[in-house]
Amino acid sequence: MWLSTKHLALGRPSQKLAKLNDGPYTILEQKGHSYLLDLPEHMKIYPVIHARFLRKDPDDPLPEQINPPPMPLVVDDEKE
């Protein structure tokens, strides 16, 4: 999961220049609408984060979200 940095103090001179999301982090446990994340020690924030501040890792889609590659087009008897 990716963690939104909107409400985190990142030490950047401008929030516009900061990353929008940080991660990916591993979910250790679900607690209601929140998730316990495996955060590094240097972050010094409470590791239970509400779901609205988390984003699914785009490089790790759910099984039904994987789309097969499209079939090649045949133009003048050649695949493109």
N, C-alpha and C. Protein backbone atom coordinates (compact mmCIF):
# COMPACT_ATOMS: atom_id res chain seq x y z
N MET A 1 0.83 -1.17 0.00
CA MET A 1 0.00 0.00 0.00
C MET A 1 0.88 1.24 0.00
N TRP A 2 0.38 2.28 -0.61
CA TRP A 2 1.06 3.57 -0.63
C TRP A 2 0.38 4.49 0.37
N LEU A 3 1.15 5.24 1.11
CA LEU A 3 0.67 6.13 2.15
C LEU A 3 0.65 7.56 1.63
N SER A 4 -0.50 8.23 1.78
CA SER A 4 -0.62 9.62 1.36
C SER A 4 0.25 10.50 2.26
N THR A 5 0.99 11.43 1.69
CA THR A 5 1.85 12.32 2.46
C THR A 5 1.20 13.67 2.71
N LYS A 6 -0.08 13.78 2.45
CA LYS A 6 -0.77 15.06 2.57
C LYS A 6 -0.67 15.65 3.98
N HIS A 7 -0.77 14.81 5.01
CA HIS A 7 -0.77 15.30 6.38
C HIS A 7 0.53 14.95 7.13
N LEU A 8 1.59 14.63 6.41
CA LEU A 8 2.86 14.29 7.04
C LEU A 8 3.83 15.46 6.90
N ALA A 9 4.63 15.68 7.93
CA ALA A 9 5.68 16.70 7.88
C ALA A 9 6.90 16.05 7.25
N LEU A 10 7.22 16.44 6.03
CA LEU A 10 8.31 15.81 5.29
C LEU A 10 9.58 16.64 5.29
N GLY A 11 9.54 17.84 5.82
CA GLY A 11 10.74 18.67 5.85
C GLY A 11 11.06 19.32 4.53
N ARG A 12 10.11 19.36 3.62
CA ARG A 12 10.31 20.02 2.33
C ARG A 12 9.95 21.50 2.46
N PRO A 13 10.60 22.40 1.73
CA PRO A 13 10.29 23.82 1.83
C PRO A 13 8.87 24.14 1.33
N SER A 14 8.35 23.33 0.46
CA SER A 14 7.00 23.54 -0.06
C SER A 14 6.30 22.19 -0.18
N GLN A 15 5.05 22.14 0.24
CA GLN A 15 4.28 20.90 0.13
C GLN A 15 4.05 20.53 -1.34
N LYS A 16 4.05 21.51 -2.22
CA LYS A 16 3.88 21.24 -3.65
C LYS A 16 5.02 20.40 -4.22
N LEU A 17 6.22 20.56 -3.66
CA LEU A 17 7.38 19.85 -4.17
C LEU A 17 7.53 18.45 -3.57
N ALA A 18 6.72 18.13 -2.59
CA ALA A 18 6.82 16.83 -1.93
C ALA A 18 6.12 15.75 -2.75
N LYS A 19 6.50 14.50 -2.48
CA LYS A 19 5.84 13.37 -3.14
C LYS A 19 4.39 13.30 -2.65
N LEU A 20 3.48 12.85 -3.51
CA LEU A 20 2.09 12.70 -3.11
C LEU A 20 1.87 11.46 -2.26
N ASN A 21 2.62 10.39 -2.54
CA ASN A 21 2.48 9.13 -1.83
C ASN A 21 3.86 8.59 -1.52
N ASP A 22 3.94 7.82 -0.43
CA ASP A 22 5.20 7.22 -0.03
C ASP A 22 4.97 5.73 0.16
N GLY A 23 5.94 4.93 -0.22
CA GLY A 23 5.77 3.50 -0.04
C GLY A 23 6.48 2.73 -1.13
N PRO A 24 6.13 1.53 -1.35
CA PRO A 24 5.00 0.78 -0.78
C PRO A 24 5.34 0.19 0.59
N TYR A 25 4.31 0.02 1.41
CA TYR A 25 4.43 -0.57 2.73
C TYR A 25 3.55 -1.80 2.81
N THR A 26 3.92 -2.71 3.68
CA THR A 26 3.19 -3.96 3.85
C THR A 26 2.13 -3.80 4.93
N ILE A 27 0.93 -4.33 4.68
CA ILE A 27 -0.13 -4.35 5.68
C ILE A 27 0.09 -5.55 6.58
N LEU A 28 0.12 -5.30 7.89
CA LEU A 28 0.30 -6.37 8.85
C LEU A 28 -1.03 -6.88 9.39
N GLU A 29 -2.00 -5.96 9.54
CA GLU A 29 -3.28 -6.34 10.15
C GLU A 29 -4.34 -5.29 9.83
N GLN A 30 -5.60 -5.73 9.70
CA GLN A 30 -6.71 -4.80 9.53
C GLN A 30 -7.36 -4.58 10.87
N LYS A 31 -7.66 -3.32 11.20
CA LYS A 31 -8.30 -2.95 12.45
C LYS A 31 -9.48 -2.05 12.12
N GLY A 32 -10.66 -2.65 11.89
CA GLY A 32 -11.83 -1.87 11.49
C GLY A 32 -11.63 -1.30 10.10
N HIS A 33 -11.71 0.04 9.99
CA HIS A 33 -11.49 0.71 8.70
C HIS A 33 -10.04 1.17 8.56
N SER A 34 -9.19 0.78 9.49
CA SER A 34 -7.79 1.18 9.48
C SER A 34 -6.90 -0.05 9.30
N TYR A 35 -5.64 0.21 8.97
CA TYR A 35 -4.69 -0.87 8.73
C TYR A 35 -3.40 -0.59 9.48
N LEU A 36 -2.84 -1.64 10.06
CA LEU A 36 -1.53 -1.57 10.70
C LEU A 36 -0.49 -1.81 9.62
N LEU A 37 0.38 -0.81 9.40
CA LEU A 37 1.41 -0.90 8.36
C LEU A 37 2.77 -1.18 8.97
N ASP A 38 3.61 -1.82 8.21
CA ASP A 38 4.98 -2.08 8.61
C ASP A 38 5.81 -0.86 8.18
N LEU A 39 5.81 0.19 9.03
CA LEU A 39 6.51 1.43 8.73
C LEU A 39 7.92 1.40 9.29
N PRO A 40 8.87 2.07 8.64
CA PRO A 40 10.23 2.14 9.18
C PRO A 40 10.26 2.99 10.46
N GLU A 41 11.25 2.75 11.30
CA GLU A 41 11.36 3.44 12.58
C GLU A 41 11.55 4.95 12.43
N HIS A 42 12.22 5.39 11.36
CA HIS A 42 12.51 6.82 11.22
C HIS A 42 11.28 7.66 10.94
N MET A 43 10.14 7.06 10.58
CA MET A 43 8.94 7.84 10.28
C MET A 43 8.31 8.43 11.53
N LYS A 44 8.38 7.75 12.65
CA LYS A 44 7.89 8.23 13.94
C LYS A 44 6.44 8.71 13.88
N ILE A 45 5.59 7.93 13.22
CA ILE A 45 4.16 8.18 13.24
C ILE A 45 3.48 6.89 13.71
N TYR A 46 2.25 7.03 14.18
CA TYR A 46 1.49 5.87 14.63
C TYR A 46 1.22 4.97 13.43
N PRO A 47 1.53 3.68 13.51
CA PRO A 47 1.46 2.82 12.32
C PRO A 47 0.06 2.38 11.91
N VAL A 48 -0.99 2.73 12.68
CA VAL A 48 -2.35 2.38 12.29
C VAL A 48 -2.92 3.54 11.49
N ILE A 49 -3.17 3.32 10.21
CA ILE A 49 -3.56 4.37 9.27
C ILE A 49 -4.95 4.06 8.72
N HIS A 50 -5.82 5.08 8.65
CA HIS A 50 -7.16 4.91 8.08
C HIS A 50 -7.05 4.64 6.58
N ALA A 51 -8.00 3.91 6.06
CA ALA A 51 -7.99 3.49 4.66
C ALA A 51 -8.02 4.68 3.69
N ARG A 52 -8.59 5.82 4.08
CA ARG A 52 -8.66 6.96 3.15
C ARG A 52 -7.29 7.54 2.83
N PHE A 53 -6.26 7.25 3.66
CA PHE A 53 -4.92 7.74 3.43
C PHE A 53 -4.03 6.71 2.74
N LEU A 54 -4.61 5.61 2.29
CA LEU A 54 -3.86 4.54 1.65
C LEU A 54 -4.30 4.37 0.21
N ARG A 55 -3.37 3.98 -0.63
CA ARG A 55 -3.66 3.70 -2.04
C ARG A 55 -3.07 2.33 -2.38
N LYS A 56 -3.75 1.58 -3.20
CA LYS A 56 -3.28 0.28 -3.65
C LYS A 56 -2.05 0.47 -4.51
N ASP A 57 -1.08 -0.41 -4.32
CA ASP A 57 0.14 -0.36 -5.11
C ASP A 57 -0.19 -0.72 -6.56
N PRO A 58 0.05 0.17 -7.52
CA PRO A 58 -0.30 -0.13 -8.91
C PRO A 58 0.51 -1.26 -9.52
N ASP A 59 1.67 -1.58 -8.94
CA ASP A 59 2.48 -2.68 -9.46
C ASP A 59 2.07 -4.02 -8.89
N ASP A 60 1.05 -4.04 -8.01
CA ASP A 60 0.57 -5.27 -7.39
C ASP A 60 -0.96 -5.30 -7.49
N PRO A 61 -1.52 -5.49 -8.69
CA PRO A 61 -2.98 -5.44 -8.85
C PRO A 61 -3.65 -6.69 -8.26
N LEU A 62 -4.96 -6.55 -8.02
CA LEU A 62 -5.75 -7.70 -7.60
C LEU A 62 -5.86 -8.67 -8.77
N PRO A 63 -6.11 -9.96 -8.51
CA PRO A 63 -6.15 -10.93 -9.62
C PRO A 63 -7.14 -10.58 -10.72
N GLU A 64 -8.30 -10.04 -10.39
CA GLU A 64 -9.28 -9.71 -11.43
C GLU A 64 -8.96 -8.40 -12.15
N GLN A 65 -7.93 -7.67 -11.69
CA GLN A 65 -7.56 -6.42 -12.34
C GLN A 65 -6.48 -6.59 -13.40
N ILE A 66 -5.98 -7.79 -13.58
CA ILE A 66 -4.94 -8.03 -14.58
C ILE A 66 -5.60 -8.21 -15.94
N ASN A 67 -5.25 -7.34 -16.86
CA ASN A 67 -5.80 -7.43 -18.21
C ASN A 67 -4.79 -8.11 -19.11
N PRO A 68 -5.25 -9.10 -19.89
CA PRO A 68 -4.31 -9.73 -20.83
C PRO A 68 -3.95 -8.73 -21.93
N PRO A 69 -2.78 -8.87 -22.52
CA PRO A 69 -2.41 -7.96 -23.60
C PRO A 69 -3.35 -8.14 -24.80
N PRO A 70 -3.63 -7.07 -25.51
CA PRO A 70 -4.54 -7.19 -26.65
C PRO A 70 -3.93 -8.04 -27.77
N MET A 71 -4.80 -8.64 -28.55
CA MET A 71 -4.35 -9.43 -29.69
C MET A 71 -3.75 -8.49 -30.73
N PRO A 72 -2.71 -8.92 -31.44
CA PRO A 72 -2.10 -8.05 -32.44
C PRO A 72 -3.07 -7.83 -33.62
N LEU A 73 -2.98 -6.67 -34.18
CA LEU A 73 -3.76 -6.36 -35.37
C LEU A 73 -3.08 -6.91 -36.61
N VAL A 74 -3.86 -7.40 -37.52
CA VAL A 74 -3.32 -7.92 -38.77
C VAL A 74 -3.60 -6.90 -39.87
N VAL A 75 -2.52 -6.37 -40.42
CA VAL A 75 -2.62 -5.38 -41.50
C VAL A 75 -1.76 -5.89 -42.63
N ASP A 76 -2.36 -6.07 -43.79
CA ASP A 76 -1.67 -6.56 -44.98
C ASP A 76 -0.97 -7.89 -44.67
N ASP A 77 -1.66 -8.78 -44.02
CA ASP A 77 -1.18 -10.11 -43.65
C ASP A 77 0.04 -10.09 -42.74
N GLU A 78 0.24 -8.99 -41.98
CA GLU A 78 1.34 -8.91 -41.00
C GLU A 78 0.77 -8.45 -39.66
N LYS A 79 1.30 -9.05 -38.61
CA LYS A 79 0.86 -8.66 -37.26
C LYS A 79 1.57 -7.37 -36.85
N GLU A 80 0.78 -6.49 -36.23
CA GLU A 80 1.34 -5.23 -35.74
C GLU A 80 1.02 -5.08 -34.28
